[in-house]
Amino acid sequence: AAARGHVDQIIALALEDGFIDESEAEEIEIYHRR
């Protein structure tokens, strides 16, 4: 549950500016895999 919450937090931060750039997508993928 904590790992999913971390992924959700990263996604929320990435979406603050309205889009997800390449480095944000990479970070999301890393934590999603975890």
PDB file of all heavy atoms in Angstrom:
ATOM      1  N   ALA A   1       0.830  -1.209   0.000  1.00  0.00           N
ATOM      2  CA  ALA A   1       0.000   0.000   0.000  1.00  0.00           C
ATOM      3  C   ALA A   1       0.866   1.261   0.000  1.00  0.00           C
ATOM      4  O   ALA A   1       0.571   2.232  -0.703  1.00  0.00           O
ATOM      5  CB  ALA A   1      -0.935  -0.008   1.210  1.00  0.00           C
ATOM      6  N   ALA A   2       1.943   1.245   0.762  1.00  0.00           N
ATOM      7  CA  ALA A   2       2.845   2.395   0.800  1.00  0.00           C
ATOM      8  C   ALA A   2       3.507   2.603  -0.560  1.00  0.00           C
ATOM      9  O   ALA A   2       3.655   3.748  -1.019  1.00  0.00           O
ATOM     10  CB  ALA A   2       3.910   2.192   1.880  1.00  0.00           C
ATOM     11  N   ALA A   3       3.890   1.523  -1.219  1.00  0.00           N
ATOM     12  CA  ALA A   3       4.514   1.630  -2.540  1.00  0.00           C
ATOM     13  C   ALA A   3       3.529   2.215  -3.549  1.00  0.00           C
ATOM     14  O   ALA A   3       3.890   3.072  -4.364  1.00  0.00           O
ATOM     15  CB  ALA A   3       5.016   0.267  -3.008  1.00  0.00           C
ATOM     16  N   ARG A   4       2.266   1.779  -3.489  1.00  0.00           N
ATOM     17  CA  ARG A   4       1.264   2.349  -4.401  1.00  0.00           C
ATOM     18  C   ARG A   4       1.045   3.821  -4.098  1.00  0.00           C
ATOM     19  O   ARG A   4       0.944   4.647  -5.003  1.00  0.00           O
ATOM     20  CB  ARG A   4      -0.051   1.607  -4.293  1.00  0.00           C
ATOM     21  CG  ARG A   4      -1.066   2.251  -5.214  1.00  0.00           C
ATOM     22  CD  ARG A   4      -2.390   1.622  -5.255  1.00  0.00           C
ATOM     23  NE  ARG A   4      -3.217   2.442  -6.139  1.00  0.00           N
ATOM     24  CZ  ARG A   4      -4.328   2.024  -6.649  1.00  0.00           C
ATOM     25  NH1 ARG A   4      -4.761   0.819  -6.402  1.00  0.00           N
ATOM     26  NH2 ARG A   4      -5.032   2.819  -7.417  1.00  0.00           N
ATOM     27  N   GLY A   5       0.997   4.154  -2.820  1.00  0.00           N
ATOM     28  CA  GLY A   5       0.832   5.555  -2.444  1.00  0.00           C
ATOM     29  C   GLY A   5       1.972   6.419  -2.951  1.00  0.00           C
ATOM     30  O   GLY A   5       1.753   7.555  -3.394  1.00  0.00           O
ATOM     31  N   HIS A   6       3.177   5.885  -2.914  1.00  0.00           N
ATOM     32  CA  HIS A   6       4.337   6.627  -3.412  1.00  0.00           C
ATOM     33  C   HIS A   6       4.204   6.886  -4.910  1.00  0.00           C
ATOM     34  O   HIS A   6       4.466   7.994  -5.387  1.00  0.00           O
ATOM     35  CB  HIS A   6       5.609   5.857  -3.100  1.00  0.00           C
ATOM     36  CG  HIS A   6       6.851   6.673  -3.292  1.00  0.00           C
ATOM     37  ND1 HIS A   6       8.087   6.187  -3.031  1.00  0.00           N
ATOM     38  CD2 HIS A   6       7.055   7.937  -3.738  1.00  0.00           C
ATOM     39  CE1 HIS A   6       8.998   7.108  -3.300  1.00  0.00           C
ATOM     40  NE2 HIS A   6       8.384   8.168  -3.735  1.00  0.00           N
ATOM     41  N   VAL A   7       3.777   5.869  -5.666  1.00  0.00           N
ATOM     42  CA  VAL A   7       3.558   6.038  -7.104  1.00  0.00           C
ATOM     43  C   VAL A   7       2.506   7.124  -7.336  1.00  0.00           C
ATOM     44  O   VAL A   7       2.690   8.020  -8.167  1.00  0.00           O
ATOM     45  CB  VAL A   7       3.109   4.717  -7.774  1.00  0.00           C
ATOM     46  CG1 VAL A   7       2.714   4.942  -9.227  1.00  0.00           C
ATOM     47  CG2 VAL A   7       4.195   3.672  -7.676  1.00  0.00           C
ATOM     48  N   ASP A   8       1.414   7.061  -6.595  1.00  0.00           N
ATOM     49  CA  ASP A   8       0.340   8.054  -6.748  1.00  0.00           C
ATOM     50  C   ASP A   8       0.823   9.462  -6.435  1.00  0.00           C
ATOM     51  O   ASP A   8       0.444  10.426  -7.113  1.00  0.00           O
ATOM     52  CB  ASP A   8      -0.857   7.681  -5.867  1.00  0.00           C
ATOM     53  CG  ASP A   8      -1.559   6.417  -6.344  1.00  0.00           C
ATOM     54  OD1 ASP A   8      -1.353   6.017  -7.509  1.00  0.00           O
ATOM     55  OD2 ASP A   8      -2.311   5.833  -5.546  1.00  0.00           O
ATOM     56  N   GLN A   9       1.675   9.605  -5.411  1.00  0.00           N
ATOM     57  CA  GLN A   9       2.221  10.924  -5.079  1.00  0.00           C
ATOM     58  C   GLN A   9       3.098  11.459  -6.206  1.00  0.00           C
ATOM     59  O   GLN A   9       3.021  12.639  -6.557  1.00  0.00           O
ATOM     60  CB  GLN A   9       3.041  10.859  -3.788  1.00  0.00           C
ATOM     61  CG  GLN A   9       2.206  10.702  -2.546  1.00  0.00           C
ATOM     62  CD  GLN A   9       3.077  10.559  -1.304  1.00  0.00           C
ATOM     63  OE1 GLN A   9       4.179  10.030  -1.357  1.00  0.00           O
ATOM     64  NE2 GLN A   9       2.554  11.028  -0.178  1.00  0.00           N
ATOM     65  N   ILE A  10       3.922  10.605  -6.778  1.00  0.00           N
ATOM     66  CA  ILE A  10       4.791  11.023  -7.875  1.00  0.00           C
ATOM     67  C   ILE A  10       3.957  11.441  -9.081  1.00  0.00           C
ATOM     68  O   ILE A  10       4.244  12.453  -9.732  1.00  0.00           O
ATOM     69  CB  ILE A  10       5.786   9.892  -8.245  1.00  0.00           C
ATOM     70  CG1 ILE A  10       6.765   9.673  -7.091  1.00  0.00           C
ATOM     71  CG2 ILE A  10       6.540  10.225  -9.525  1.00  0.00           C
ATOM     72  CD1 ILE A  10       7.586   8.416  -7.233  1.00  0.00           C
ATOM     73  N   ILE A  11       2.921  10.691  -9.373  1.00  0.00           N
ATOM     74  CA  ILE A  11       2.034  11.041 -10.488  1.00  0.00           C
ATOM     75  C   ILE A  11       1.367  12.384 -10.224  1.00  0.00           C
ATOM     76  O   ILE A  11       1.304  13.249 -11.105  1.00  0.00           O
ATOM     77  CB  ILE A  11       0.987   9.936 -10.728  1.00  0.00           C
ATOM     78  CG1 ILE A  11       1.674   8.679 -11.273  1.00  0.00           C
ATOM     79  CG2 ILE A  11      -0.106  10.416 -11.679  1.00  0.00           C
ATOM     80  CD1 ILE A  11       0.780   7.452 -11.344  1.00  0.00           C
ATOM     81  N   ALA A  12       0.874  12.579  -9.005  1.00  0.00           N
ATOM     82  CA  ALA A  12       0.212  13.845  -8.658  1.00  0.00           C
ATOM     83  C   ALA A  12       1.164  15.029  -8.822  1.00  0.00           C
ATOM     84  O   ALA A  12       0.784  16.071  -9.376  1.00  0.00           O
ATOM     85  CB  ALA A  12      -0.329  13.789  -7.231  1.00  0.00           C
ATOM     86  N   LEU A  13       2.398  14.879  -8.355  1.00  0.00           N
ATOM     87  CA  LEU A  13       3.384  15.952  -8.515  1.00  0.00           C
ATOM     88  C   LEU A  13       3.693  16.218  -9.984  1.00  0.00           C
ATOM     89  O   LEU A  13       3.833  17.364 -10.403  1.00  0.00           O
ATOM     90  CB  LEU A  13       4.676  15.611  -7.769  1.00  0.00           C
ATOM     91  CG  LEU A  13       4.623  15.701  -6.254  1.00  0.00           C
ATOM     92  CD1 LEU A  13       5.908  15.135  -5.637  1.00  0.00           C
ATOM     93  CD2 LEU A  13       4.417  17.145  -5.824  1.00  0.00           C
ATOM     94  N   ALA A  14       3.793  15.137 -10.753  1.00  0.00           N
ATOM     95  CA  ALA A  14       4.107  15.279 -12.173  1.00  0.00           C
ATOM     96  C   ALA A  14       2.986  15.992 -12.924  1.00  0.00           C
ATOM     97  O   ALA A  14       3.243  16.727 -13.881  1.00  0.00           O
ATOM     98  CB  ALA A  14       4.374  13.914 -12.790  1.00  0.00           C
ATOM     99  N   LEU A  15       1.760  15.805 -12.489  1.00  0.00           N
ATOM    100  CA  LEU A  15       0.611  16.393 -13.183  1.00  0.00           C
ATOM    101  C   LEU A  15       0.324  17.840 -12.796  1.00  0.00           C
ATOM    102  O   LEU A  15      -0.548  18.474 -13.384  1.00  0.00           O
ATOM    103  CB  LEU A  15      -0.638  15.544 -12.939  1.00  0.00           C
ATOM    104  CG  LEU A  15      -0.640  14.175 -13.625  1.00  0.00           C
ATOM    105  CD1 LEU A  15      -1.856  13.378 -13.198  1.00  0.00           C
ATOM    106  CD2 LEU A  15      -0.593  14.341 -15.133  1.00  0.00           C
ATOM    107  N   GLU A  16       1.056  18.356 -11.820  1.00  0.00           N
ATOM    108  CA  GLU A  16       0.804  19.737 -11.384  1.00  0.00           C
ATOM    109  C   GLU A  16       0.923  20.748 -12.513  1.00  0.00           C
ATOM    110  O   GLU A  16       0.197  21.732 -12.547  1.00  0.00           O
ATOM    111  CB  GLU A  16       1.735  20.116 -10.232  1.00  0.00           C
ATOM    112  CG  GLU A  16       1.320  19.512  -8.912  1.00  0.00           C
ATOM    113  CD  GLU A  16       2.244  19.895  -7.764  1.00  0.00           C
ATOM    114  OE1 GLU A  16       3.300  20.522  -8.012  1.00  0.00           O
ATOM    115  OE2 GLU A  16       1.900  19.566  -6.623  1.00  0.00           O
ATOM    116  N   ASP A  17       1.841  20.512 -13.453  1.00  0.00           N
ATOM    117  CA  ASP A  17       2.003  21.445 -14.566  1.00  0.00           C
ATOM    118  C   ASP A  17       1.196  21.032 -15.796  1.00  0.00           C
ATOM    119  O   ASP A  17       1.298  21.644 -16.851  1.00  0.00           O
ATOM    120  CB  ASP A  17       3.480  21.627 -14.931  1.00  0.00           C
ATOM    121  CG  ASP A  17       4.155  20.340 -15.358  1.00  0.00           C
ATOM    122  OD1 ASP A  17       3.484  19.287 -15.409  1.00  0.00           O
ATOM    123  OD2 ASP A  17       5.371  20.392 -15.638  1.00  0.00           O
ATOM    124  N   GLY A  18       0.404  19.969 -15.665  1.00  0.00           N
ATOM    125  CA  GLY A  18      -0.494  19.578 -16.738  1.00  0.00           C
ATOM    126  C   GLY A  18       0.047  18.539 -17.699  1.00  0.00           C
ATOM    127  O   GLY A  18      -0.678  18.076 -18.573  1.00  0.00           O
ATOM    128  N   PHE A  19       1.313  18.174 -17.601  1.00  0.00           N
ATOM    129  CA  PHE A  19       1.851  17.127 -18.464  1.00  0.00           C
ATOM    130  C   PHE A  19       2.981  16.396 -17.752  1.00  0.00           C
ATOM    131  O   PHE A  19       3.501  16.868 -16.750  1.00  0.00           O
ATOM    132  CB  PHE A  19       2.324  17.685 -19.814  1.00  0.00           C
ATOM    133  CG  PHE A  19       3.546  18.570 -19.711  1.00  0.00           C
ATOM    134  CD1 PHE A  19       4.815  18.057 -19.947  1.00  0.00           C
ATOM    135  CD2 PHE A  19       3.434  19.921 -19.405  1.00  0.00           C
ATOM    136  CE1 PHE A  19       5.933  18.867 -19.856  1.00  0.00           C
ATOM    137  CE2 PHE A  19       4.541  20.739 -19.321  1.00  0.00           C
ATOM    138  CZ  PHE A  19       5.796  20.212 -19.542  1.00  0.00           C
ATOM    139  N   ILE A  20       3.348  15.259 -18.298  1.00  0.00           N
ATOM    140  CA  ILE A  20       4.411  14.442 -17.711  1.00  0.00           C
ATOM    141  C   ILE A  20       5.580  14.423 -18.686  1.00  0.00           C
ATOM    142  O   ILE A  20       5.434  13.945 -19.817  1.00  0.00           O
ATOM    143  CB  ILE A  20       3.920  13.010 -17.425  1.00  0.00           C
ATOM    144  CG1 ILE A  20       2.798  13.046 -16.380  1.00  0.00           C
ATOM    145  CG2 ILE A  20       5.059  12.118 -16.965  1.00  0.00           C
ATOM    146  CD1 ILE A  20       2.155  11.707 -16.101  1.00  0.00           C
ATOM    147  N   ASP A  21       6.724  14.951 -18.255  1.00  0.00           N
ATOM    148  CA  ASP A  21       7.907  14.937 -19.130  1.00  0.00           C
ATOM    149  C   ASP A  21       8.625  13.590 -19.025  1.00  0.00           C
ATOM    150  O   ASP A  21       8.243  12.713 -18.256  1.00  0.00           O
ATOM    151  CB  ASP A  21       8.841  16.117 -18.844  1.00  0.00           C
ATOM    152  CG  ASP A  21       9.489  16.053 -17.465  1.00  0.00           C
ATOM    153  OD1 ASP A  21       9.701  14.954 -16.920  1.00  0.00           O
ATOM    154  OD2 ASP A  21       9.797  17.142 -16.921  1.00  0.00           O
ATOM    155  N   GLU A  22       9.675  13.438 -19.808  1.00  0.00           N
ATOM    156  CA  GLU A  22      10.376  12.152 -19.900  1.00  0.00           C
ATOM    157  C   GLU A  22      10.972  11.713 -18.569  1.00  0.00           C
ATOM    158  O   GLU A  22      10.859  10.548 -18.182  1.00  0.00           O
ATOM    159  CB  GLU A  22      11.483  12.242 -20.955  1.00  0.00           C
ATOM    160  CG  GLU A  22      12.085  10.903 -21.311  1.00  0.00           C
ATOM    161  CD  GLU A  22      13.083  11.013 -22.448  1.00  0.00           C
ATOM    162  OE1 GLU A  22      12.821  11.755 -23.405  1.00  0.00           O
ATOM    163  OE2 GLU A  22      14.126  10.345 -22.341  1.00  0.00           O
ATOM    164  N   SER A  23      11.586  12.621 -17.831  1.00  0.00           N
ATOM    165  CA  SER A  23      12.192  12.236 -16.552  1.00  0.00           C
ATOM    166  C   SER A  23      11.117  11.877 -15.525  1.00  0.00           C
ATOM    167  O   SER A  23      11.303  10.955 -14.718  1.00  0.00           O
ATOM    168  CB  SER A  23      13.101  13.344 -16.018  1.00  0.00           C
ATOM    169  OG  SER A  23      12.357  14.482 -15.669  1.00  0.00           O
ATOM    170  N   GLU A  24       9.994  12.569 -15.558  1.00  0.00           N
ATOM    171  CA  GLU A  24       8.892  12.231 -14.645  1.00  0.00           C
ATOM    172  C   GLU A  24       8.311  10.863 -14.998  1.00  0.00           C
ATOM    173  O   GLU A  24       8.016  10.062 -14.105  1.00  0.00           O
ATOM    174  CB  GLU A  24       7.802  13.298 -14.710  1.00  0.00           C
ATOM    175  CG  GLU A  24       8.213  14.631 -14.122  1.00  0.00           C
ATOM    176  CD  GLU A  24       7.236  15.752 -14.428  1.00  0.00           C
ATOM    177  OE1 GLU A  24       6.582  15.720 -15.499  1.00  0.00           O
ATOM    178  OE2 GLU A  24       7.128  16.669 -13.590  1.00  0.00           O
ATOM    179  N   ALA A  25       8.172  10.597 -16.289  1.00  0.00           N
ATOM    180  CA  ALA A  25       7.650   9.297 -16.726  1.00  0.00           C
ATOM    181  C   ALA A  25       8.581   8.175 -16.293  1.00  0.00           C
ATOM    182  O   ALA A  25       8.128   7.111 -15.849  1.00  0.00           O
ATOM    183  CB  ALA A  25       7.464   9.279 -18.244  1.00  0.00           C
ATOM    184  N   GLU A  26       9.884   8.415 -16.397  1.00  0.00           N
ATOM    185  CA  GLU A  26      10.868   7.421 -15.982  1.00  0.00           C
ATOM    186  C   GLU A  26      10.771   7.151 -14.480  1.00  0.00           C
ATOM    187  O   GLU A  26      10.805   6.001 -14.038  1.00  0.00           O
ATOM    188  CB  GLU A  26      12.269   7.913 -16.343  1.00  0.00           C
ATOM    189  CG  GLU A  26      13.326   6.852 -16.325  1.00  0.00           C
ATOM    190  CD  GLU A  26      14.648   7.385 -16.864  1.00  0.00           C
ATOM    191  OE1 GLU A  26      14.697   7.793 -18.033  1.00  0.00           O
ATOM    192  OE2 GLU A  26      15.618   7.388 -16.077  1.00  0.00           O
ATOM    193  N   GLU A  27      10.637   8.214 -13.694  1.00  0.00           N
ATOM    194  CA  GLU A  27      10.520   8.049 -12.246  1.00  0.00           C
ATOM    195  C   GLU A  27       9.233   7.305 -11.888  1.00  0.00           C
ATOM    196  O   GLU A  27       9.240   6.422 -11.028  1.00  0.00           O
ATOM    197  CB  GLU A  27      10.552   9.418 -11.548  1.00  0.00           C
ATOM    198  CG  GLU A  27      10.513   9.300 -10.045  1.00  0.00           C
ATOM    199  CD  GLU A  27      10.555  10.639  -9.328  1.00  0.00           C
ATOM    200  OE1 GLU A  27      10.245  11.686  -9.953  1.00  0.00           O
ATOM    201  OE2 GLU A  27      10.873  10.637  -8.130  1.00  0.00           O
ATOM    202  N   ILE A  28       8.145   7.637 -12.565  1.00  0.00           N
ATOM    203  CA  ILE A  28       6.875   6.940 -12.327  1.00  0.00           C
ATOM    204  C   ILE A  28       7.050   5.456 -12.622  1.00  0.00           C
ATOM    205  O   ILE A  28       6.628   4.594 -11.841  1.00  0.00           O
ATOM    206  CB  ILE A  28       5.738   7.545 -13.179  1.00  0.00           C
ATOM    207  CG1 ILE A  28       5.379   8.938 -12.668  1.00  0.00           C
ATOM    208  CG2 ILE A  28       4.507   6.629 -13.183  1.00  0.00           C
ATOM    209  CD1 ILE A  28       4.496   9.735 -13.613  1.00  0.00           C
ATOM    210  N   GLU A  29       7.695   5.138 -13.735  1.00  0.00           N
ATOM    211  CA  GLU A  29       7.904   3.744 -14.118  1.00  0.00           C
ATOM    212  C   GLU A  29       8.731   2.984 -13.088  1.00  0.00           C
ATOM    213  O   GLU A  29       8.410   1.848 -12.732  1.00  0.00           O
ATOM    214  CB  GLU A  29       8.573   3.669 -15.496  1.00  0.00           C
ATOM    215  CG  GLU A  29       8.814   2.269 -15.988  1.00  0.00           C
ATOM    216  CD  GLU A  29       7.556   1.460 -16.241  1.00  0.00           C
ATOM    217  OE1 GLU A  29       6.491   2.063 -16.508  1.00  0.00           O
ATOM    218  OE2 GLU A  29       7.624   0.220 -16.155  1.00  0.00           O
ATOM    219  N   ILE A  30       9.784   3.607 -12.589  1.00  0.00           N
ATOM    220  CA  ILE A  30      10.642   2.964 -11.583  1.00  0.00           C
ATOM    221  C   ILE A  30       9.823   2.595 -10.347  1.00  0.00           C
ATOM    222  O   ILE A  30       9.866   1.458  -9.862  1.00  0.00           O
ATOM    223  CB  ILE A  30      11.815   3.886 -11.192  1.00  0.00           C
ATOM    224  CG1 ILE A  30      12.828   3.961 -12.337  1.00  0.00           C
ATOM    225  CG2 ILE A  30      12.487   3.401  -9.896  1.00  0.00           C
ATOM    226  CD1 ILE A  30      13.858   5.070 -12.170  1.00  0.00           C
ATOM    227  N   TYR A  31       9.059   3.555  -9.831  1.00  0.00           N
ATOM    228  CA  TYR A  31       8.302   3.289  -8.600  1.00  0.00           C
ATOM    229  C   TYR A  31       7.076   2.423  -8.851  1.00  0.00           C
ATOM    230  O   TYR A  31       6.652   1.678  -7.968  1.00  0.00           O
ATOM    231  CB  TYR A  31       7.953   4.604  -7.897  1.00  0.00           C
ATOM    232  CG  TYR A  31       9.190   5.185  -7.255  1.00  0.00           C
ATOM    233  CD1 TYR A  31       9.909   6.208  -7.864  1.00  0.00           C
ATOM    234  CD2 TYR A  31       9.682   4.670  -6.063  1.00  0.00           C
ATOM    235  CE1 TYR A  31      11.068   6.714  -7.294  1.00  0.00           C
ATOM    236  CE2 TYR A  31      10.837   5.158  -5.486  1.00  0.00           C
ATOM    237  CZ  TYR A  31      11.524   6.178  -6.106  1.00  0.00           C
ATOM    238  OH  TYR A  31      12.669   6.654  -5.545  1.00  0.00           O
ATOM    239  N   HIS A  32       6.539   2.477 -10.056  1.00  0.00           N
ATOM    240  CA  HIS A  32       5.428   1.585 -10.400  1.00  0.00           C
ATOM    241  C   HIS A  32       5.929   0.134 -10.396  1.00  0.00           C
ATOM    242  O   HIS A  32       5.257  -0.758  -9.871  1.00  0.00           O
ATOM    243  CB  HIS A  32       4.849   1.944 -11.770  1.00  0.00           C
ATOM    244  CG  HIS A  32       3.862   0.937 -12.268  1.00  0.00           C
ATOM    245  ND1 HIS A  32       2.656   0.706 -11.651  1.00  0.00           N
ATOM    246  CD2 HIS A  32       3.922   0.076 -13.312  1.00  0.00           C
ATOM    247  CE1 HIS A  32       2.004  -0.242 -12.299  1.00  0.00           C
ATOM    248  NE2 HIS A  32       2.758  -0.645 -13.309  1.00  0.00           N
ATOM    249  N   ARG A  33       7.117  -0.103 -10.981  1.00  0.00           N
ATOM    250  CA  ARG A  33       7.685  -1.450 -10.989  1.00  0.00           C
ATOM    251  C   ARG A  33       7.900  -1.941  -9.553  1.00  0.00           C
ATOM    252  O   ARG A  33       7.629  -3.090  -9.234  1.00  0.00           O
ATOM    253  CB  ARG A  33       8.995  -1.488 -11.769  1.00  0.00           C
ATOM    254  CG  ARG A  33       8.828  -1.330 -13.272  1.00  0.00           C
ATOM    255  CD  ARG A  33      10.161  -1.246 -13.981  1.00  0.00           C
ATOM    256  NE  ARG A  33      10.897  -2.497 -13.902  1.00  0.00           N
ATOM    257  CZ  ARG A  33      10.735  -3.528 -14.725  1.00  0.00           C
ATOM    258  NH1 ARG A  33       9.855  -3.438 -15.691  1.00  0.00           N
ATOM    259  NH2 ARG A  33      11.452  -4.618 -14.580  1.00  0.00           N
ATOM    260  N   ARG A  34       8.389  -1.065  -8.688  1.00  0.00           N
ATOM    261  CA  ARG A  34       8.599  -1.449  -7.286  1.00  0.00           C
ATOM    262  C   ARG A  34       7.274  -1.817  -6.624  1.00  0.00           C
ATOM    263  O   ARG A  34       7.192  -2.763  -5.840  1.00  0.00           O
ATOM    264  CB  ARG A  34       9.284  -0.324  -6.520  1.00  0.00           C
ATOM    265  CG  ARG A  34      10.729  -0.153  -6.922  1.00  0.00           C
ATOM    266  CD  ARG A  34      11.402   0.959  -6.167  1.00  0.00           C
ATOM    267  NE  ARG A  34      12.746   1.189  -6.686  1.00  0.00           N
ATOM    268  CZ  ARG A  34      13.519   2.177  -6.301  1.00  0.00           C
ATOM    269  NH1 ARG A  34      13.111   3.029  -5.381  1.00  0.00           N
ATOM    270  NH2 ARG A  34      14.715   2.320  -6.830  1.00  0.00           N
TER     271      ARG A  34
END
